[in-house]
Amino acid sequence: MVGLLYPFIIVLGIYVIVNGHLTPGGGFQGGAIIASVFISRYIAFPADDFRIESLQLIEKILFICIILFPILVLFQQWYVNDYLHNYINLIYLISMNIFIGLKVSCGLTIIFLRFIFHEGR
């Protein structure tokens, strides 16, 4: 059943992340939904094929993106006209939701795997 539900859970998580600027929800909620895919995968198939180091690297890169992206958007808005501000703000909101959703997904998966591997010792 877990393999059958993977695509639907991922699509739901992406939907919540991308529509976070319109509806309640967003990056954190969608990231938690996507993290549930990785957690349920581990529960269904308990193998040590997860690489925590690569998840941590991805999480650090996403953190840097979350910090630098608003700065770049702020400097870019000085050079565009008023008509493009709406589109830049929309792209900014969706991008930040995606960055936060992926970071939360990596973070919750890392936390879960750390608990599992620590408990297994």
PDB file of N, CA and C in Angstrom:
ATOM      1  N   MET A   1       0.819  -1.211   0.000  1.00  0.00           N
ATOM      2  CA  MET A   1       0.000   0.000   0.000  1.00  0.00           C
ATOM      3  C   MET A   1       0.853   1.260   0.000  1.00  0.00           C
ATOM      4  N   VAL A   2       2.000   1.185   0.676  1.00  0.00           N
ATOM      5  CA  VAL A   2       2.837   2.384   0.745  1.00  0.00           C
ATOM      6  C   VAL A   2       3.312   2.783  -0.641  1.00  0.00           C
ATOM      7  N   GLY A   3       3.734   1.797  -1.434  1.00  0.00           N
ATOM      8  CA  GLY A   3       4.181   2.094  -2.794  1.00  0.00           C
ATOM      9  C   GLY A   3       3.073   2.651  -3.666  1.00  0.00           C
ATOM     10  N   LEU A   4       1.849   2.246  -3.403  1.00  0.00           N
ATOM     11  CA  LEU A   4       0.714   2.738  -4.167  1.00  0.00           C
ATOM     12  C   LEU A   4       0.364   4.178  -3.797  1.00  0.00           C
ATOM     13  N   LEU A   5       0.566   4.538  -2.542  1.00  0.00           N
ATOM     14  CA  LEU A   5       0.189   5.879  -2.072  1.00  0.00           C
ATOM     15  C   LEU A   5       1.270   6.937  -2.277  1.00  0.00           C
ATOM     16  N   TYR A   6       2.516   6.539  -2.569  1.00  0.00           N
ATOM     17  CA  TYR A   6       3.598   7.508  -2.746  1.00  0.00           C
ATOM     18  C   TYR A   6       3.263   8.657  -3.692  1.00  0.00           C
ATOM     19  N   PRO A   7       2.838   8.365  -4.918  1.00  0.00           N
ATOM     20  CA  PRO A   7       2.589   9.481  -5.844  1.00  0.00           C
ATOM     21  C   PRO A   7       1.501  10.429  -5.358  1.00  0.00           C
ATOM     22  N   PHE A   8       0.479   9.891  -4.736  1.00  0.00           N
ATOM     23  CA  PHE A   8      -0.616  10.750  -4.282  1.00  0.00           C
ATOM     24  C   PHE A   8      -0.190  11.640  -3.111  1.00  0.00           C
ATOM     25  N   ILE A   9       0.617  11.102  -2.222  1.00  0.00           N
ATOM     26  CA  ILE A   9       1.097  11.895  -1.090  1.00  0.00           C
ATOM     27  C   ILE A   9       2.046  12.983  -1.570  1.00  0.00           C
ATOM     28  N   ILE A  10       2.908  12.652  -2.518  1.00  0.00           N
ATOM     29  CA  ILE A  10       3.841  13.654  -3.049  1.00  0.00           C
ATOM     30  C   ILE A  10       3.085  14.753  -3.792  1.00  0.00           C
ATOM     31  N   VAL A  11       2.089  14.378  -4.586  1.00  0.00           N
ATOM     32  CA  VAL A  11       1.299  15.382  -5.307  1.00  0.00           C
ATOM     33  C   VAL A  11       0.547  16.276  -4.322  1.00  0.00           C
ATOM     34  N   LEU A  12       0.007  15.697  -3.262  1.00  0.00           N
ATOM     35  CA  LEU A  12      -0.667  16.505  -2.241  1.00  0.00           C
ATOM     36  C   LEU A  12       0.309  17.468  -1.579  1.00  0.00           C
ATOM     37  N   GLY A  13       1.513  17.000  -1.253  1.00  0.00           N
ATOM     38  CA  GLY A  13       2.519  17.877  -0.643  1.00  0.00           C
ATOM     39  C   GLY A  13       2.924  19.012  -1.564  1.00  0.00           C
ATOM     40  N   ILE A  14       3.125  18.707  -2.842  1.00  0.00           N
ATOM     41  CA  ILE A  14       3.481  19.751  -3.808  1.00  0.00           C
ATOM     42  C   ILE A  14       2.336  20.740  -3.974  1.00  0.00           C
ATOM     43  N   TYR A  15       1.114  20.241  -3.986  1.00  0.00           N
ATOM     44  CA  TYR A  15      -0.057  21.126  -4.098  1.00  0.00           C
ATOM     45  C   TYR A  15      -0.130  22.088  -2.915  1.00  0.00           C
ATOM     46  N   VAL A  16       0.090  21.577  -1.718  1.00  0.00           N
ATOM     47  CA  VAL A  16       0.026  22.439  -0.526  1.00  0.00           C
ATOM     48  C   VAL A  16       1.154  23.468  -0.557  1.00  0.00           C
ATOM     49  N   ILE A  17       2.334  23.069  -1.005  1.00  0.00           N
ATOM     50  CA  ILE A  17       3.463  24.007  -1.064  1.00  0.00           C
ATOM     51  C   ILE A  17       3.216  25.097  -2.099  1.00  0.00           C
ATOM     52  N   VAL A  18       2.825  24.712  -3.303  1.00  0.00           N
ATOM     53  CA  VAL A  18       2.689  25.684  -4.394  1.00  0.00           C
ATOM     54  C   VAL A  18       1.509  26.621  -4.173  1.00  0.00           C
ATOM     55  N   ASN A  19       0.447  26.148  -3.553  1.00  0.00           N
ATOM     56  CA  ASN A  19      -0.716  27.002  -3.303  1.00  0.00           C
ATOM     57  C   ASN A  19      -0.706  27.613  -1.910  1.00  0.00           C
ATOM     58  N   GLY A  20       0.435  27.656  -1.278  1.00  0.00           N
ATOM     59  CA  GLY A  20       0.527  28.191   0.078  1.00  0.00           C
ATOM     60  C   GLY A  20       0.257  29.674   0.166  1.00  0.00           C
ATOM     61  N   HIS A  21       0.462  30.407  -0.919  1.00  0.00           N
ATOM     62  CA  HIS A  21       0.208  31.842  -0.880  1.00  0.00           C
ATOM     63  C   HIS A  21      -1.273  32.160  -1.074  1.00  0.00           C
ATOM     64  N   LEU A  22      -2.072  31.176  -1.466  1.00  0.00           N
ATOM     65  CA  LEU A  22      -3.509  31.387  -1.683  1.00  0.00           C
ATOM     66  C   LEU A  22      -4.385  30.782  -0.603  1.00  0.00           C
ATOM     67  N   THR A  23      -3.939  29.696  -0.020  1.00  0.00           N
ATOM     68  CA  THR A  23      -4.748  28.953   0.938  1.00  0.00           C
ATOM     69  C   THR A  23      -3.966  28.767   2.223  1.00  0.00           C
ATOM     70  N   PRO A  24      -4.631  28.367   3.297  1.00  0.00           N
ATOM     71  CA  PRO A  24      -3.885  28.029   4.505  1.00  0.00           C
ATOM     72  C   PRO A  24      -2.965  26.846   4.223  1.00  0.00           C
ATOM     73  N   GLY A  25      -1.793  26.942   4.683  1.00  0.00           N
ATOM     74  CA  GLY A  25      -0.786  25.933   4.391  1.00  0.00           C
ATOM     75  C   GLY A  25       0.419  26.615   3.785  1.00  0.00           C
ATOM     76  N   GLY A  26       1.267  25.872   3.227  1.00  0.00           N
ATOM     77  CA  GLY A  26       2.440  26.442   2.601  1.00  0.00           C
ATOM     78  C   GLY A  26       3.624  25.530   2.758  1.00  0.00           C
ATOM     79  N   GLY A  27       4.786  26.149   2.942  1.00  0.00           N
ATOM     80  CA  GLY A  27       6.026  25.400   2.966  1.00  0.00           C
ATOM     81  C   GLY A  27       6.136  24.396   4.092  1.00  0.00           C
ATOM     82  N   PHE A  28       5.793  24.808   5.294  1.00  0.00           N
ATOM     83  CA  PHE A  28       5.961  23.900   6.427  1.00  0.00           C
ATOM     84  C   PHE A  28       5.000  22.720   6.337  1.00  0.00           C
ATOM     85  N   GLN A  29       3.742  22.989   6.058  1.00  0.00           N
ATOM     86  CA  GLN A  29       2.755  21.918   6.006  1.00  0.00           C
ATOM     87  C   GLN A  29       3.034  20.971   4.843  1.00  0.00           C
ATOM     88  N   GLY A  30       3.356  21.511   3.681  1.00  0.00           N
ATOM     89  CA  GLY A  30       3.675  20.673   2.532  1.00  0.00           C
ATOM     90  C   GLY A  30       4.954  19.885   2.742  1.00  0.00           C
ATOM     91  N   GLY A  31       5.943  20.500   3.399  1.00  0.00           N
ATOM     92  CA  GLY A  31       7.174  19.781   3.708  1.00  0.00           C
ATOM     93  C   GLY A  31       6.942  18.632   4.664  1.00  0.00           C
ATOM     94  N   ALA A  32       6.052  18.830   5.625  1.00  0.00           N
ATOM     95  CA  ALA A  32       5.717  17.739   6.548  1.00  0.00           C
ATOM     96  C   ALA A  32       5.005  16.605   5.825  1.00  0.00           C
ATOM     97  N   ILE A  33       4.170  16.944   4.853  1.00  0.00           N
ATOM     98  CA  ILE A  33       3.493  15.900   4.080  1.00  0.00           C
ATOM     99  C   ILE A  33       4.500  15.118   3.254  1.00  0.00           C
ATOM    100  N   ILE A  34       5.431  15.801   2.609  1.00  0.00           N
ATOM    101  CA  ILE A  34       6.444  15.113   1.808  1.00  0.00           C
ATOM    102  C   ILE A  34       7.382  14.307   2.698  1.00  0.00           C
ATOM    103  N   ALA A  35       7.698  14.804   3.880  1.00  0.00           N
ATOM    104  CA  ALA A  35       8.541  14.036   4.806  1.00  0.00           C
ATOM    105  C   ALA A  35       7.848  12.752   5.237  1.00  0.00           C
ATOM    106  N   SER A  36       6.522  12.770   5.296  1.00  0.00           N
ATOM    107  CA  SER A  36       5.810  11.546   5.662  1.00  0.00           C
ATOM    108  C   SER A  36       6.018  10.444   4.629  1.00  0.00           C
ATOM    109  N   VAL A  37       6.304  10.802   3.382  1.00  0.00           N
ATOM    110  CA  VAL A  37       6.604   9.799   2.358  1.00  0.00           C
ATOM    111  C   VAL A  37       7.894   9.071   2.705  1.00  0.00           C
ATOM    112  N   PHE A  38       8.931   9.831   3.070  1.00  0.00           N
ATOM    113  CA  PHE A  38      10.211   9.210   3.415  1.00  0.00           C
ATOM    114  C   PHE A  38      10.105   8.399   4.703  1.00  0.00           C
ATOM    115  N   ILE A  39       9.357   8.915   5.652  1.00  0.00           N
ATOM    116  CA  ILE A  39       9.199   8.203   6.931  1.00  0.00           C
ATOM    117  C   ILE A  39       8.416   6.907   6.725  1.00  0.00           C
ATOM    118  N   SER A  40       7.340   6.961   5.950  1.00  0.00           N
ATOM    119  CA  SER A  40       6.575   5.733   5.709  1.00  0.00           C
ATOM    120  C   SER A  40       7.371   4.739   4.870  1.00  0.00           C
ATOM    121  N   ARG A  41       8.237   5.236   4.004  1.00  0.00           N
ATOM    122  CA  ARG A  41       9.098   4.337   3.228  1.00  0.00           C
ATOM    123  C   ARG A  41      10.041   3.593   4.158  1.00  0.00           C
ATOM    124  N   TYR A  42      10.592   4.300   5.120  1.00  0.00           N
ATOM    125  CA  TYR A  42      11.494   3.630   6.052  1.00  0.00           C
ATOM    126  C   TYR A  42      10.736   2.629   6.925  1.00  0.00           C
ATOM    127  N   ILE A  43       9.536   2.982   7.346  1.00  0.00           N
ATOM    128  CA  ILE A  43       8.755   2.069   8.180  1.00  0.00           C
ATOM    129  C   ILE A  43       8.377   0.814   7.395  1.00  0.00           C
ATOM    130  N   ALA A  44       8.029   0.971   6.123  1.00  0.00           N
ATOM    131  CA  ALA A  44       7.642  -0.181   5.315  1.00  0.00           C
ATOM    132  C   ALA A  44       8.840  -1.040   4.916  1.00  0.00           C
ATOM    133  N   PHE A  45       9.950  -0.399   4.581  1.00  0.00           N
ATOM    134  CA  PHE A  45      11.159  -1.106   4.142  1.00  0.00           C
ATOM    135  C   PHE A  45      12.337  -0.648   4.991  1.00  0.00           C
ATOM    136  N   PRO A  46      12.527  -1.195   6.192  1.00  0.00           N
ATOM    137  CA  PRO A  46      13.580  -0.694   7.093  1.00  0.00           C
ATOM    138  C   PRO A  46      14.979  -1.130   6.653  1.00  0.00           C
ATOM    139  N   ALA A  47      15.543  -0.366   5.775  1.00  0.00           N
ATOM    140  CA  ALA A  47      16.913  -0.613   5.341  1.00  0.00           C
ATOM    141  C   ALA A  47      17.724   0.646   5.598  1.00  0.00           C
ATOM    142  N   ASP A  48      19.003   0.483   5.677  1.00  0.00           N
ATOM    143  CA  ASP A  48      19.882   1.628   5.953  1.00  0.00           C
ATOM    144  C   ASP A  48      20.361   2.259   4.658  1.00  0.00           C
ATOM    145  N   ASP A  49      19.489   2.446   3.691  1.00  0.00           N
ATOM    146  CA  ASP A  49      19.899   3.041   2.427  1.00  0.00           C
ATOM    147  C   ASP A  49      19.710   4.555   2.387  1.00  0.00           C
ATOM    148  N   PHE A  50      19.282   5.153   3.480  1.00  0.00           N
ATOM    149  CA  PHE A  50      19.177   6.600   3.553  1.00  0.00           C
ATOM    150  C   PHE A  50      20.552   7.187   3.855  1.00  0.00           C
ATOM    151  N   ARG A  51      20.897   8.230   3.160  1.00  0.00           N
ATOM    152  CA  ARG A  51      22.160   8.913   3.401  1.00  0.00           C
ATOM    153  C   ARG A  51      21.864  10.226   4.119  1.00  0.00           C
ATOM    154  N   ILE A  52      22.083  10.214   5.408  1.00  0.00           N
ATOM    155  CA  ILE A  52      21.788  11.398   6.211  1.00  0.00           C
ATOM    156  C   ILE A  52      22.708  12.550   5.829  1.00  0.00           C
ATOM    157  N   GLU A  53      23.946  12.245   5.472  1.00  0.00           N
ATOM    158  CA  GLU A  53      24.894  13.299   5.111  1.00  0.00           C
ATOM    159  C   GLU A  53      24.428  14.070   3.876  1.00  0.00           C
ATOM    160  N   SER A  54      23.902  13.368   2.885  1.00  0.00           N
ATOM    161  CA  SER A  54      23.418  14.061   1.693  1.00  0.00           C
ATOM    162  C   SER A  54      22.166  14.886   2.004  1.00  0.00           C
ATOM    163  N   LEU A  55      21.295  14.382   2.875  1.00  0.00           N
ATOM    164  CA  LEU A  55      20.130  15.177   3.285  1.00  0.00           C
ATOM    165  C   LEU A  55      20.551  16.423   4.046  1.00  0.00           C
ATOM    166  N   GLN A  56      21.575  16.296   4.878  1.00  0.00           N
ATOM    167  CA  GLN A  56      22.066  17.458   5.616  1.00  0.00           C
ATOM    168  C   GLN A  56      22.683  18.487   4.672  1.00  0.00           C
ATOM    169  N   LEU A  57      23.401  18.024   3.649  1.00  0.00           N
ATOM    170  CA  LEU A  57      23.980  18.944   2.672  1.00  0.00           C
ATOM    171  C   LEU A  57      22.887  19.679   1.904  1.00  0.00           C
ATOM    172  N   ILE A  58      21.856  18.955   1.483  1.00  0.00           N
ATOM    173  CA  ILE A  58      20.738  19.585   0.781  1.00  0.00           C
ATOM    174  C   ILE A  58      20.048  20.599   1.683  1.00  0.00           C
ATOM    175  N   GLU A  59      19.888  20.254   2.957  1.00  0.00           N
ATOM    176  CA  GLU A  59      19.240  21.170   3.896  1.00  0.00           C
ATOM    177  C   GLU A  59      20.059  22.440   4.092  1.00  0.00           C
ATOM    178  N   LYS A  60      21.373  22.316   4.143  1.00  0.00           N
ATOM    179  CA  LYS A  60      22.233  23.508   4.283  1.00  0.00           C
ATOM    180  C   LYS A  60      22.172  24.391   3.045  1.00  0.00           C
ATOM    181  N   ILE A  61      22.152  23.773   1.870  1.00  0.00           N
ATOM    182  CA  ILE A  61      22.050  24.547   0.635  1.00  0.00           C
ATOM    183  C   ILE A  61      20.712  25.276   0.576  1.00  0.00           C
ATOM    184  N   LEU A  62      19.644  24.612   0.982  1.00  0.00           N
ATOM    185  CA  LEU A  62      18.328  25.255   0.999  1.00  0.00           C
ATOM    186  C   LEU A  62      18.275  26.392   2.007  1.00  0.00           C
ATOM    187  N   PHE A  63      18.965  26.243   3.140  1.00  0.00           N
ATOM    188  CA  PHE A  63      19.012  27.329   4.115  1.00  0.00           C
ATOM    189  C   PHE A  63      19.707  28.551   3.527  1.00  0.00           C
ATOM    190  N   ILE A  64      20.785  28.331   2.804  1.00  0.00           N
ATOM    191  CA  ILE A  64      21.482  29.447   2.158  1.00  0.00           C
ATOM    192  C   ILE A  64      20.580  30.101   1.121  1.00  0.00           C
ATOM    193  N   CYS A  65      19.824  29.301   0.373  1.00  0.00           N
ATOM    194  CA  CYS A  65      18.879  29.855  -0.602  1.00  0.00           C
ATOM    195  C   CYS A  65      17.791  30.675   0.082  1.00  0.00           C
ATOM    196  N   ILE A  66      17.306  30.189   1.226  1.00  0.00           N
ATOM    197  CA  ILE A  66      16.267  30.925   1.955  1.00  0.00           C
ATOM    198  C   ILE A  66      16.797  32.263   2.453  1.00  0.00           C
ATOM    199  N   ILE A  67      18.066  32.322   2.793  1.00  0.00           N
ATOM    200  CA  ILE A  67      18.660  33.576   3.263  1.00  0.00           C
ATOM    201  C   ILE A  67      18.967  34.520   2.106  1.00  0.00           C
ATOM    202  N   LEU A  68      19.547  34.006   1.010  1.00  0.00           N
ATOM    203  CA  LEU A  68      20.012  34.874  -0.077  1.00  0.00           C
ATOM    204  C   LEU A  68      18.919  35.287  -1.056  1.00  0.00           C
ATOM    205  N   PHE A  69      17.924  34.452  -1.262  1.00  0.00           N
ATOM    206  CA  PHE A  69      16.900  34.747  -2.257  1.00  0.00           C
ATOM    207  C   PHE A  69      16.132  36.040  -1.966  1.00  0.00           C
ATOM    208  N   PRO A  70      15.690  36.308  -0.733  1.00  0.00           N
ATOM    209  CA  PRO A  70      15.007  37.587  -0.483  1.00  0.00           C
ATOM    210  C   PRO A  70      15.902  38.803  -0.723  1.00  0.00           C
ATOM    211  N   ILE A  71      17.180  38.646  -0.451  1.00  0.00           N
ATOM    212  CA  ILE A  71      18.100  39.763  -0.698  1.00  0.00           C
ATOM    213  C   ILE A  71      18.202  40.049  -2.187  1.00  0.00           C
ATOM    214  N   LEU A  72      18.316  39.004  -2.997  1.00  0.00           N
ATOM    215  CA  LEU A  72      18.388  39.197  -4.445  1.00  0.00           C
ATOM    216  C   LEU A  72      17.100  39.786  -5.000  1.00  0.00           C
ATOM    217  N   VAL A  73      15.960  39.353  -4.492  1.00  0.00           N
ATOM    218  CA  VAL A  73      14.679  39.887  -4.960  1.00  0.00           C
ATOM    219  C   VAL A  73      14.542  41.353  -4.551  1.00  0.00           C
ATOM    220  N   LEU A  74      15.003  41.690  -3.369  1.00  0.00           N
ATOM    221  CA  LEU A  74      14.930  43.078  -2.911  1.00  0.00           C
ATOM    222  C   LEU A  74      15.756  43.999  -3.802  1.00  0.00           C
ATOM    223  N   PHE A  75      16.955  43.578  -4.169  1.00  0.00           N
ATOM    224  CA  PHE A  75      17.780  44.402  -5.044  1.00  0.00           C
ATOM    225  C   PHE A  75      17.250  44.450  -6.462  1.00  0.00           C
ATOM    226  N   GLN A  76      16.596  43.399  -6.914  1.00  0.00           N
ATOM    227  CA  GLN A  76      16.060  43.371  -8.257  1.00  0.00           C
ATOM    228  C   GLN A  76      14.844  44.280  -8.387  1.00  0.00           C
ATOM    229  N   GLN A  77      14.076  44.455  -7.328  1.00  0.00           N
ATOM    230  CA  GLN A  77      12.864  45.262  -7.417  1.00  0.00           C
ATOM    231  C   GLN A  77      13.159  46.745  -7.600  1.00  0.00           C
ATOM    232  N   TRP A  78      14.362  47.171  -7.326  1.00  0.00           N
ATOM    233  CA  TRP A  78      14.702  48.578  -7.560  1.00  0.00           C
ATOM    234  C   TRP A  78      14.797  48.892  -9.049  1.00  0.00           C
ATOM    235  N   TYR A  79      15.047  47.879  -9.880  1.00  0.00           N
ATOM    236  CA  TYR A  79      15.320  48.117 -11.290  1.00  0.00           C
ATOM    237  C   TYR A  79      14.146  47.799 -12.209  1.00  0.00           C
ATOM    238  N   VAL A  80      13.047  47.312 -11.681  1.00  0.00           N
ATOM    239  CA  VAL A  80      11.916  46.970 -12.541  1.00  0.00           C
ATOM    240  C   VAL A  80      10.788  47.976 -12.331  1.00  0.00           C
ATOM    241  N   ASN A  81       9.893  48.033 -13.307  1.00  0.00           N
ATOM    242  CA  ASN A  81       8.780  48.971 -13.202  1.00  0.00           C
ATOM    243  C   ASN A  81       7.675  48.399 -12.315  1.00  0.00           C
ATOM    244  N   ASP A  82       6.644  49.205 -12.074  1.00  0.00           N
ATOM    245  CA  ASP A  82       5.570  48.811 -11.156  1.00  0.00           C
ATOM    246  C   ASP A  82       4.746  47.634 -11.671  1.00  0.00           C
ATOM    247  N   TYR A  83       4.635  47.498 -12.982  1.00  0.00           N
ATOM    248  CA  TYR A  83       3.833  46.409 -13.547  1.00  0.00           C
ATOM    249  C   TYR A  83       4.434  45.042 -13.228  1.00  0.00           C
ATOM    250  N   LEU A  84       5.752  44.943 -13.212  1.00  0.00           N
ATOM    251  CA  LEU A  84       6.409  43.664 -12.967  1.00  0.00           C
ATOM    252  C   LEU A  84       6.504  43.305 -11.485  1.00  0.00           C
ATOM    253  N   HIS A  85       6.253  44.259 -10.595  1.00  0.00           N
ATOM    254  CA  HIS A  85       6.338  43.976  -9.156  1.00  0.00           C
ATOM    255  C   HIS A  85       5.378  42.862  -8.737  1.00  0.00           C
ATOM    256  N   ASN A  86       4.180  42.847  -9.301  1.00  0.00           N
ATOM    257  CA  ASN A  86       3.209  41.810  -8.932  1.00  0.00           C
ATOM    258  C   ASN A  86       3.712  40.425  -9.306  1.00  0.00           C
ATOM    259  N   TYR A  87       4.283  40.301 -10.499  1.00  0.00           N
ATOM    260  CA  TYR A  87       4.789  38.996 -10.927  1.00  0.00           C
ATOM    261  C   TYR A  87       6.018  38.585 -10.134  1.00  0.00           C
ATOM    262  N   ILE A  88       6.868  39.526  -9.822  1.00  0.00           N
ATOM    263  CA  ILE A  88       8.057  39.208  -9.028  1.00  0.00           C
ATOM    264  C   ILE A  88       7.649  38.776  -7.627  1.00  0.00           C
ATOM    265  N   ASN A  89       6.670  39.451  -7.045  1.00  0.00           N
ATOM    266  CA  ASN A  89       6.203  39.062  -5.712  1.00  0.00           C
ATOM    267  C   ASN A  89       5.558  37.679  -5.730  1.00  0.00           C
ATOM    268  N   LEU A  90       4.813  37.348  -6.776  1.00  0.00           N
ATOM    269  CA  LEU A  90       4.201  36.030  -6.881  1.00  0.00           C
ATOM    270  C   LEU A  90       5.268  34.943  -7.005  1.00  0.00           C
ATOM    271  N   ILE A  91       6.247  35.183  -7.856  1.00  0.00           N
ATOM    272  CA  ILE A  91       7.342  34.224  -8.015  1.00  0.00           C
ATOM    273  C   ILE A  91       8.123  34.105  -6.721  1.00  0.00           C
ATOM    274  N   TYR A  92       8.312  35.221  -6.031  1.00  0.00           N
ATOM    275  CA  TYR A  92       9.021  35.208  -4.753  1.00  0.00           C
ATOM    276  C   TYR A  92       8.278  34.364  -3.717  1.00  0.00           C
ATOM    277  N   LEU A  93       6.975  34.537  -3.606  1.00  0.00           N
ATOM    278  CA  LEU A  93       6.192  33.772  -2.627  1.00  0.00           C
ATOM    279  C   LEU A  93       6.208  32.275  -2.921  1.00  0.00           C
ATOM    280  N   ILE A  94       6.024  31.930  -4.179  1.00  0.00           N
ATOM    281  CA  ILE A  94       6.029  30.506  -4.539  1.00  0.00           C
ATOM    282  C   ILE A  94       7.417  29.910  -4.329  1.00  0.00           C
ATOM    283  N   SER A  95       8.462  30.638  -4.697  1.00  0.00           N
ATOM    284  CA  SER A  95       9.830  30.138  -4.523  1.00  0.00           C
ATOM    285  C   SER A  95      10.173  29.942  -3.061  1.00  0.00           C
ATOM    286  N   MET A  96       9.793  30.880  -2.233  1.00  0.00           N
ATOM    287  CA  MET A  96      10.088  30.737  -0.810  1.00  0.00           C
ATOM    288  C   MET A  96       9.312  29.569  -0.205  1.00  0.00           C
ATOM    289  N   ASN A  97       8.075  29.365  -0.635  1.00  0.00           N
ATOM    290  CA  ASN A  97       7.319  28.201  -0.161  1.00  0.00           C
ATOM    291  C   ASN A  97       7.995  26.902  -0.578  1.00  0.00           C
ATOM    292  N   ILE A  98       8.526  26.861  -1.795  1.00  0.00           N
ATOM    293  CA  ILE A  98       9.208  25.657  -2.267  1.00  0.00           C
ATOM    294  C   ILE A  98      10.484  25.425  -1.471  1.00  0.00           C
ATOM    295  N   PHE A  99      11.281  26.472  -1.270  1.00  0.00           N
ATOM    296  CA  PHE A  99      12.520  26.328  -0.487  1.00  0.00           C
ATOM    297  C   PHE A  99      12.218  25.859   0.932  1.00  0.00           C
ATOM    298  N   ILE A 100      11.242  26.479   1.558  1.00  0.00           N
ATOM    299  CA  ILE A 100      10.904  26.119   2.942  1.00  0.00           C
ATOM    300  C   ILE A 100      10.327  24.704   2.998  1.00  0.00           C
ATOM    301  N   GLY A 101       9.490  24.339   2.031  1.00  0.00           N
ATOM    302  CA  GLY A 101       8.923  22.996   2.002  1.00  0.00           C
ATOM    303  C   GLY A 101       9.984  21.921   1.865  1.00  0.00           C
ATOM    304  N   LEU A 102      10.945  22.142   0.986  1.00  0.00           N
ATOM    305  CA  LEU A 102      12.016  21.158   0.821  1.00  0.00           C
ATOM    306  C   LEU A 102      12.907  21.094   2.052  1.00  0.00           C
ATOM    307  N   LYS A 103      13.171  22.247   2.666  1.00  0.00           N
ATOM    308  CA  LYS A 103      14.007  22.259   3.863  1.00  0.00           C
ATOM    309  C   LYS A 103      13.310  21.549   5.024  1.00  0.00           C
ATOM    310  N   VAL A 104      12.034  21.788   5.199  1.00  0.00           N
ATOM    311  CA  VAL A 104      11.287  21.112   6.261  1.00  0.00           C
ATOM    312  C   VAL A 104      11.225  19.616   6.001  1.00  0.00           C
ATOM    313  N   SER A 105      11.041  19.240   4.745  1.00  0.00           N
ATOM    314  CA  SER A 105      11.005  17.820   4.407  1.00  0.00           C
ATOM    315  C   SER A 105      12.329  17.146   4.744  1.00  0.00           C
ATOM    316  N   CYS A 106      13.437  17.767   4.371  1.00  0.00           N
ATOM    317  CA  CYS A 106      14.755  17.205   4.709  1.00  0.00           C
ATOM    318  C   CYS A 106      14.966  17.184   6.221  1.00  0.00           C
ATOM    319  N   GLY A 107      14.594  18.262   6.895  1.00  0.00           N
ATOM    320  CA  GLY A 107      14.810  18.350   8.335  1.00  0.00           C
ATOM    321  C   GLY A 107      14.019  17.313   9.117  1.00  0.00           C
ATOM    322  N   LEU A 108      12.744  17.156   8.799  1.00  0.00           N
ATOM    323  CA  LEU A 108      11.936  16.161   9.516  1.00  0.00           C
ATOM    324  C   LEU A 108      12.398  14.742   9.230  1.00  0.00           C
ATOM    325  N   THR A 109      12.841  14.497   7.997  1.00  0.00           N
ATOM    326  CA  THR A 109      13.368  13.171   7.680  1.00  0.00           C
ATOM    327  C   THR A 109      14.654  12.899   8.443  1.00  0.00           C
ATOM    328  N   ILE A 110      15.521  13.896   8.547  1.00  0.00           N
ATOM    329  CA  ILE A 110      16.776  13.747   9.304  1.00  0.00           C
ATOM    330  C   ILE A 110      16.476  13.493  10.771  1.00  0.00           C
ATOM    331  N   ILE A 111      15.534  14.246  11.334  1.00  0.00           N
ATOM    332  CA  ILE A 111      15.181  14.057  12.744  1.00  0.00           C
ATOM    333  C   ILE A 111      14.659  12.646  12.974  1.00  0.00           C
ATOM    334  N   PHE A 112      13.769  12.176  12.097  1.00  0.00           N
ATOM    335  CA  PHE A 112      13.229  10.832  12.239  1.00  0.00           C
ATOM    336  C   PHE A 112      14.338   9.784  12.139  1.00  0.00           C
ATOM    337  N   LEU A 113      15.203   9.914  11.149  1.00  0.00           N
ATOM    338  CA  LEU A 113      16.269   8.925  10.978  1.00  0.00           C
ATOM    339  C   LEU A 113      17.259   8.954  12.139  1.00  0.00           C
ATOM    340  N   ARG A 114      17.528  10.130  12.672  1.00  0.00           N
ATOM    341  CA  ARG A 114      18.422  10.210  13.841  1.00  0.00           C
ATOM    342  C   ARG A 114      17.804   9.485  15.035  1.00  0.00           C
ATOM    343  N   PHE A 115      16.512   9.663  15.250  1.00  0.00           N
ATOM    344  CA  PHE A 115      15.851   8.940  16.344  1.00  0.00           C
ATOM    345  C   PHE A 115      15.903   7.440  16.123  1.00  0.00           C
ATOM    346  N   ILE A 116      15.650   6.999  14.900  1.00  0.00           N
ATOM    347  CA  ILE A 116      15.652   5.569  14.599  1.00  0.00           C
ATOM    348  C   ILE A 116      17.048   4.987  14.773  1.00  0.00           C
ATOM    349  N   PHE A 117      18.060   5.639  14.212  1.00  0.00           N
ATOM    350  CA  PHE A 117      19.410   5.090  14.307  1.00  0.00           C
ATOM    351  C   PHE A 117      19.948   5.170  15.715  1.00  0.00           C
ATOM    352  N   HIS A 118      19.553   6.198  16.467  1.00  0.00           N
ATOM    353  CA  HIS A 118      20.000   6.308  17.861  1.00  0.00           C
ATOM    354  C   HIS A 118      19.324   5.234  18.697  1.00  0.00           C
ATOM    355  N   GLU A 119      18.066   4.961  18.444  1.00  0.00           N
ATOM    356  CA  GLU A 119      17.335   3.936  19.191  1.00  0.00           C
ATOM    357  C   GLU A 119      17.853   2.543  18.859  1.00  0.00           C
ATOM    358  N   GLY A 120      18.361   2.369  17.639  1.00  0.00           N
ATOM    359  CA  GLY A 120      18.840   1.061  17.243  1.00  0.00           C
ATOM    360  C   GLY A 120      20.158   0.672  17.876  1.00  0.00           C
ATOM    361  N   ARG A 121      20.880   1.632  18.457  1.00  0.00           N
ATOM    362  CA  ARG A 121      22.171   1.318  19.082  1.00  0.00           C
ATOM    363  C   ARG A 121      22.022   0.701  20.411  1.00  0.00           C
TER     364      ARG A 121
END
